[in-house]
Amino acid sequence: MASSEPPTGLPRSGRLAGIDFGTVRIGIAICDPGQKFASPLENYTRLTQARDADRFQRLVRDEGLVAFVVGLPVHLSGEESHKSMQAREFGAWLAQVTALPVEFYDERFTSVEAEQFLLAAQLTSKKRKARMDMVAAQIMLTGYLESRAAR
């Protein structure tokens, strides 16, 4: 079962990147160095493994990241899914290519919340799609930060 309680292994200060994992597109959000606020950064369309590694290594350098939080897609019951395994494999790869720690966080309902948020902003379907994954990453990272602050 996935836990929504984050482990305490990540640094308590410094910028974190939240990752909304997808096999085609990855939503990326980042937080401030004090880990109080998360902001959407970009949607990254995956290319080759080498180019993906280069993108995430540049992200670490450009944004001064100290760790990653990868959204873990689980069923409503809390049981992990096939996509959870893919996200875990991606997280292991991300840790290897960036040499930064990676934690996983339950991302249930983040896409639904992102869609509702973007609908309320009265964006066109095309604009909603262009922002969906990075907003879902922001919502997931915000949840991680809030649950960690509550501990």
C-alpha atoms as a PDB file:
ATOM      1  CA  MET A   1       0.000   0.000   0.000  1.00  0.00           C
ATOM      2  CA  ALA A   2       1.101   3.547  -0.690  1.00  0.00           C
ATOM      3  CA  SER A   3       1.418   5.944   2.157  1.00  0.00           C
ATOM      4  CA  SER A   4       0.440   9.588   2.054  1.00  0.00           C
ATOM      5  CA  GLU A   5       2.738  10.198   5.038  1.00  0.00           C
ATOM      6  CA  PRO A   6       6.085  11.262   3.642  1.00  0.00           C
ATOM      7  CA  PRO A   7       9.236   9.760   5.062  1.00  0.00           C
ATOM      8  CA  THR A   8      11.580  12.306   6.579  1.00  0.00           C
ATOM      9  CA  GLY A   9      14.657  11.561   4.503  1.00  0.00           C
ATOM     10  CA  LEU A  10      14.591  14.613   2.227  1.00  0.00           C
ATOM     11  CA  PRO A  11      16.378  17.822   3.186  1.00  0.00           C
ATOM     12  CA  ARG A  12      14.164  20.262   5.110  1.00  0.00           C
ATOM     13  CA  SER A  13      15.392  23.255   3.136  1.00  0.00           C
ATOM     14  CA  GLY A  14      16.265  23.785  -0.490  1.00  0.00           C
ATOM     15  CA  ARG A  15      14.221  23.498  -3.628  1.00  0.00           C
ATOM     16  CA  LEU A  16      12.296  20.302  -4.335  1.00  0.00           C
ATOM     17  CA  ALA A  17      10.829  19.336  -7.692  1.00  0.00           C
ATOM     18  CA  GLY A  18       7.452  17.609  -7.805  1.00  0.00           C
ATOM     19  CA  ILE A  19       7.042  15.161 -10.658  1.00  0.00           C
ATOM     20  CA  ASP A  20       3.720  14.103 -12.179  1.00  0.00           C
ATOM     21  CA  PHE A  21       5.033  11.014 -13.971  1.00  0.00           C
ATOM     22  CA  GLY A  22       3.765  10.025 -17.380  1.00  0.00           C
ATOM     23  CA  THR A  23       5.135   7.733 -20.046  1.00  0.00           C
ATOM     24  CA  VAL A  24       4.773  10.496 -22.671  1.00  0.00           C
ATOM     25  CA  ARG A  25       4.669  13.754 -20.704  1.00  0.00           C
ATOM     26  CA  ILE A  26       5.958  14.688 -17.262  1.00  0.00           C
ATOM     27  CA  GLY A  27       4.573  17.579 -15.248  1.00  0.00           C
ATOM     28  CA  ILE A  28       7.160  19.426 -13.176  1.00  0.00           C
ATOM     29  CA  ALA A  29       6.596  21.799 -10.268  1.00  0.00           C
ATOM     30  CA  ILE A  30       9.147  23.324  -7.911  1.00  0.00           C
ATOM     31  CA  CYS A  31       9.050  24.840  -4.457  1.00  0.00           C
ATOM     32  CA  ASP A  32      10.861  27.749  -2.900  1.00  0.00           C
ATOM     33  CA  PRO A  33      14.056  27.101  -0.879  1.00  0.00           C
ATOM     34  CA  GLY A  34      12.070  27.364   2.380  1.00  0.00           C
ATOM     35  CA  GLN A  35       9.710  24.625   1.134  1.00  0.00           C
ATOM     36  CA  LYS A  36       6.560  26.657   1.781  1.00  0.00           C
ATOM     37  CA  PHE A  37       5.094  27.181  -1.704  1.00  0.00           C
ATOM     38  CA  ALA A  38       4.956  25.093  -4.871  1.00  0.00           C
ATOM     39  CA  SER A  39       4.655  26.526  -8.373  1.00  0.00           C
ATOM     40  CA  PRO A  40       4.098  24.831 -11.718  1.00  0.00           C
ATOM     41  CA  LEU A  41       7.238  24.910 -13.857  1.00  0.00           C
ATOM     42  CA  GLU A  42       6.729  23.000 -17.085  1.00  0.00           C
ATOM     43  CA  ASN A  43       5.418  19.993 -18.923  1.00  0.00           C
ATOM     44  CA  TYR A  44       8.271  17.977 -20.341  1.00  0.00           C
ATOM     45  CA  THR A  45       7.620  15.706 -23.322  1.00  0.00           C
ATOM     46  CA  ARG A  46       9.814  12.657 -23.055  1.00  0.00           C
ATOM     47  CA  LEU A  47      12.302  11.995 -25.835  1.00  0.00           C
ATOM     48  CA  THR A  48      15.097   9.447 -25.512  1.00  0.00           C
ATOM     49  CA  GLN A  49      16.541   8.218 -22.234  1.00  0.00           C
ATOM     50  CA  ALA A  50      19.765  10.170 -22.872  1.00  0.00           C
ATOM     51  CA  ARG A  51      17.919  13.406 -23.670  1.00  0.00           C
ATOM     52  CA  ASP A  52      15.601  12.910 -20.698  1.00  0.00           C
ATOM     53  CA  ALA A  53      18.640  12.448 -18.436  1.00  0.00           C
ATOM     54  CA  ASP A  54      20.172  15.645 -19.825  1.00  0.00           C
ATOM     55  CA  ARG A  55      16.931  17.576 -19.177  1.00  0.00           C
ATOM     56  CA  PHE A  56      16.692  16.472 -15.545  1.00  0.00           C
ATOM     57  CA  GLN A  57      20.395  17.075 -14.910  1.00  0.00           C
ATOM     58  CA  ARG A  58      20.005  20.625 -16.295  1.00  0.00           C
ATOM     59  CA  LEU A  59      16.885  21.084 -14.153  1.00  0.00           C
ATOM     60  CA  VAL A  60      18.905  20.197 -11.042  1.00  0.00           C
ATOM     61  CA  ARG A  61      21.622  22.701 -11.963  1.00  0.00           C
ATOM     62  CA  ASP A  62      19.354  25.518 -13.198  1.00  0.00           C
ATOM     63  CA  GLU A  63      16.909  25.377 -10.277  1.00  0.00           C
ATOM     64  CA  GLY A  64      19.346  24.388  -7.522  1.00  0.00           C
ATOM     65  CA  LEU A  65      17.308  21.317  -6.596  1.00  0.00           C
ATOM     66  CA  VAL A  66      18.085  19.215  -3.531  1.00  0.00           C
ATOM     67  CA  ALA A  67      15.580  16.375  -4.132  1.00  0.00           C
ATOM     68  CA  PHE A  68      12.593  15.086  -6.099  1.00  0.00           C
ATOM     69  CA  VAL A  69       9.097  14.075  -4.998  1.00  0.00           C
ATOM     70  CA  VAL A  70       7.521  11.737  -7.539  1.00  0.00           C
ATOM     71  CA  GLY A  71       3.761  11.298  -7.533  1.00  0.00           C
ATOM     72  CA  LEU A  72       2.722   7.710  -6.945  1.00  0.00           C
ATOM     73  CA  PRO A  73      -0.487   6.778  -8.751  1.00  0.00           C
ATOM     74  CA  VAL A  74      -2.461   4.357  -6.614  1.00  0.00           C
ATOM     75  CA  HIS A  75      -5.977   2.936  -6.717  1.00  0.00           C
ATOM     76  CA  LEU A  76      -8.699   4.431  -4.530  1.00  0.00           C
ATOM     77  CA  SER A  77      -8.131   1.519  -2.133  1.00  0.00           C
ATOM     78  CA  GLY A  78      -4.530   2.624  -1.676  1.00  0.00           C
ATOM     79  CA  GLU A  79      -3.188  -0.409  -3.514  1.00  0.00           C
ATOM     80  CA  GLU A  80      -0.432   0.216  -5.983  1.00  0.00           C
ATOM     81  CA  SER A  81      -1.034  -0.201  -9.695  1.00  0.00           C
ATOM     82  CA  HIS A  82       0.985  -1.045 -12.786  1.00  0.00           C
ATOM     83  CA  LYS A  83       1.504   2.692 -13.262  1.00  0.00           C
ATOM     84  CA  SER A  84       2.823   2.835  -9.659  1.00  0.00           C
ATOM     85  CA  MET A  85       5.541   0.358 -10.647  1.00  0.00           C
ATOM     86  CA  GLN A  86       6.418   2.500 -13.669  1.00  0.00           C
ATOM     87  CA  ALA A  87       6.598   5.610 -11.462  1.00  0.00           C
ATOM     88  CA  ARG A  88       8.861   3.771  -9.003  1.00  0.00           C
ATOM     89  CA  GLU A  89      11.132   2.654 -11.855  1.00  0.00           C
ATOM     90  CA  PHE A  90      11.243   6.233 -13.135  1.00  0.00           C
ATOM     91  CA  GLY A  91      12.075   7.505  -9.629  1.00  0.00           C
ATOM     92  CA  ALA A  92      14.949   5.026  -9.334  1.00  0.00           C
ATOM     93  CA  TRP A  93      16.239   6.119 -12.741  1.00  0.00           C
ATOM     94  CA  LEU A  94      15.867   9.803 -11.765  1.00  0.00           C
ATOM     95  CA  ALA A  95      17.871   9.247  -8.563  1.00  0.00           C
ATOM     96  CA  GLN A  96      20.575   7.479 -10.558  1.00  0.00           C
ATOM     97  CA  VAL A  97      20.942  10.125 -13.293  1.00  0.00           C
ATOM     98  CA  THR A  98      20.754  13.162 -10.965  1.00  0.00           C
ATOM     99  CA  ALA A  99      22.398  11.737  -7.815  1.00  0.00           C
ATOM    100  CA  LEU A 100      19.586  13.331  -5.765  1.00  0.00           C
ATOM    101  CA  PRO A 101      17.234  11.628  -3.324  1.00  0.00           C
ATOM    102  CA  VAL A 102      13.734  10.747  -4.505  1.00  0.00           C
ATOM    103  CA  GLU A 103      10.630  10.173  -2.401  1.00  0.00           C
ATOM    104  CA  PHE A 104       7.200   9.074  -3.557  1.00  0.00           C
ATOM    105  CA  TYR A 105       3.920  10.680  -2.552  1.00  0.00           C
ATOM    106  CA  ASP A 106       0.345   9.555  -3.119  1.00  0.00           C
ATOM    107  CA  GLU A 107      -1.042  11.548  -6.026  1.00  0.00           C
ATOM    108  CA  ARG A 108      -4.651  10.375  -5.918  1.00  0.00           C
ATOM    109  CA  PHE A 109      -7.072  13.039  -7.146  1.00  0.00           C
ATOM    110  CA  THR A 110      -4.386  15.520  -8.255  1.00  0.00           C
ATOM    111  CA  SER A 111      -5.432  15.322 -11.914  1.00  0.00           C
ATOM    112  CA  VAL A 112      -9.076  15.815 -10.946  1.00  0.00           C
ATOM    113  CA  GLU A 113      -8.152  18.812  -8.780  1.00  0.00           C
ATOM    114  CA  ALA A 114      -5.990  20.247 -11.557  1.00  0.00           C
ATOM    115  CA  GLU A 115      -8.821  19.866 -14.088  1.00  0.00           C
ATOM    116  CA  GLN A 116     -11.302  21.581 -11.726  1.00  0.00           C
ATOM    117  CA  PHE A 117      -8.841  24.410 -11.072  1.00  0.00           C
ATOM    118  CA  LEU A 118      -8.211  24.944 -14.788  1.00  0.00           C
ATOM    119  CA  LEU A 119     -11.930  24.759 -15.607  1.00  0.00           C
ATOM    120  CA  ALA A 120     -12.628  27.401 -12.969  1.00  0.00           C
ATOM    121  CA  ALA A 121     -10.020  29.596 -14.672  1.00  0.00           C
ATOM    122  CA  GLN A 122     -12.176  29.339 -17.813  1.00  0.00           C
ATOM    123  CA  LEU A 123      -9.296  28.227 -20.004  1.00  0.00           C
ATOM    124  CA  THR A 124      -9.918  26.658 -23.382  1.00  0.00           C
ATOM    125  CA  SER A 125      -9.543  22.913 -23.699  1.00  0.00           C
ATOM    126  CA  LYS A 126      -6.206  23.394 -25.485  1.00  0.00           C
ATOM    127  CA  LYS A 127      -4.855  25.679 -22.744  1.00  0.00           C
ATOM    128  CA  ARG A 128      -6.081  23.309 -19.997  1.00  0.00           C
ATOM    129  CA  LYS A 129      -4.315  20.379 -21.652  1.00  0.00           C
ATOM    130  CA  ALA A 130      -1.114  22.438 -21.975  1.00  0.00           C
ATOM    131  CA  ARG A 131      -1.092  23.124 -18.216  1.00  0.00           C
ATOM    132  CA  MET A 132      -2.662  19.980 -16.755  1.00  0.00           C
ATOM    133  CA  ASP A 133       0.400  17.916 -15.831  1.00  0.00           C
ATOM    134  CA  MET A 134       2.427  20.741 -14.304  1.00  0.00           C
ATOM    135  CA  VAL A 135      -0.584  21.889 -12.249  1.00  0.00           C
ATOM    136  CA  ALA A 136      -1.127  18.291 -11.080  1.00  0.00           C
ATOM    137  CA  ALA A 137       2.579  18.227 -10.087  1.00  0.00           C
ATOM    138  CA  GLN A 138       2.071  21.494  -8.178  1.00  0.00           C
ATOM    139  CA  ILE A 139      -0.949  20.106  -6.304  1.00  0.00           C
ATOM    140  CA  MET A 140       0.936  16.908  -5.424  1.00  0.00           C
ATOM    141  CA  LEU A 141       4.032  18.824  -4.252  1.00  0.00           C
ATOM    142  CA  THR A 142       1.857  21.207  -2.218  1.00  0.00           C
ATOM    143  CA  GLY A 143       0.218  18.209  -0.514  1.00  0.00           C
ATOM    144  CA  TYR A 144       3.648  16.766   0.248  1.00  0.00           C
ATOM    145  CA  LEU A 145       4.882  20.064   1.717  1.00  0.00           C
ATOM    146  CA  GLU A 146       1.741  20.546   3.806  1.00  0.00           C
ATOM    147  CA  SER A 147       1.793  17.016   5.212  1.00  0.00           C
ATOM    148  CA  ARG A 148       5.473  17.364   6.030  1.00  0.00           C
ATOM    149  CA  ALA A 149       4.940  20.725   7.760  1.00  0.00           C
ATOM    150  CA  ALA A 150       2.175  19.192   9.876  1.00  0.00           C
ATOM    151  CA  ARG A 151       4.547  16.604  11.338  1.00  0.00           C
END
